[in-house]
Amino acid sequence: MLFWPVLLFNEGNGVKAAEVARLKGEMQALERAAGQKGCNITFRSY
């Protein structure tokens, strides 16, 4: 018997690393676009 929520968290490190890399790229693109448009937006990383 398998507890079904386990399936939701069983993606593997490769999938999570790819998602983090994608999100980081999106954040960097937003930072560049904001700078080009003169927006006063800042991003903080924790």
Protein backbone atom coordinates (compact mmCIF):
# COMPACT_ATOMS: atom_id res chain seq x y z
CA MET A 1 0.00 0.00 0.00
CA LEU A 2 1.32 3.44 -0.97
CA PHE A 3 0.28 6.68 0.62
CA TRP A 4 -0.71 8.81 -2.42
CA PRO A 5 0.77 12.19 -1.26
CA VAL A 6 4.18 10.53 -1.42
CA LEU A 7 3.78 10.52 -5.19
CA LEU A 8 3.54 14.32 -5.21
CA PHE A 9 6.92 14.72 -3.52
CA ASN A 10 8.73 11.95 -5.37
CA GLU A 11 10.01 14.06 -8.29
CA GLY A 12 13.72 13.61 -7.76
CA ASN A 13 16.52 16.12 -7.39
CA GLY A 14 17.01 16.55 -11.15
CA VAL A 15 13.49 17.84 -11.67
CA LYS A 16 13.74 20.22 -8.73
CA ALA A 17 17.15 21.51 -9.87
CA ALA A 18 15.76 22.16 -13.36
CA GLU A 19 12.80 24.05 -11.90
CA VAL A 20 15.08 26.20 -9.71
CA ALA A 21 17.30 26.96 -12.72
CA ARG A 22 14.27 27.94 -14.81
CA LEU A 23 12.93 30.24 -12.10
CA LYS A 24 16.35 31.83 -11.63
CA GLY A 25 16.52 32.54 -15.37
CA GLU A 26 13.07 34.12 -15.30
CA MET A 27 14.06 36.31 -12.36
CA GLN A 28 17.21 37.47 -14.16
CA ALA A 29 15.19 38.29 -17.28
CA LEU A 30 12.76 40.33 -15.17
CA GLU A 31 15.65 42.19 -13.55
CA ARG A 32 17.15 43.05 -16.97
CA ALA A 33 13.80 44.18 -18.40
CA ALA A 34 13.08 46.30 -15.33
CA GLY A 35 16.49 47.95 -15.58
CA GLN A 36 16.02 48.71 -19.28
CA LYS A 37 12.65 50.31 -18.59
CA GLY A 38 13.93 52.32 -15.64
CA CYS A 39 11.73 50.55 -13.10
CA ASN A 40 12.74 50.78 -9.48
CA ILE A 41 12.31 47.10 -8.62
CA THR A 42 14.63 45.05 -6.44
CA PHE A 43 14.85 41.34 -5.85
CA ARG A 44 16.05 39.77 -2.63
CA SER A 45 17.33 36.25 -2.28
CA TYR A 46 17.17 34.47 1.04
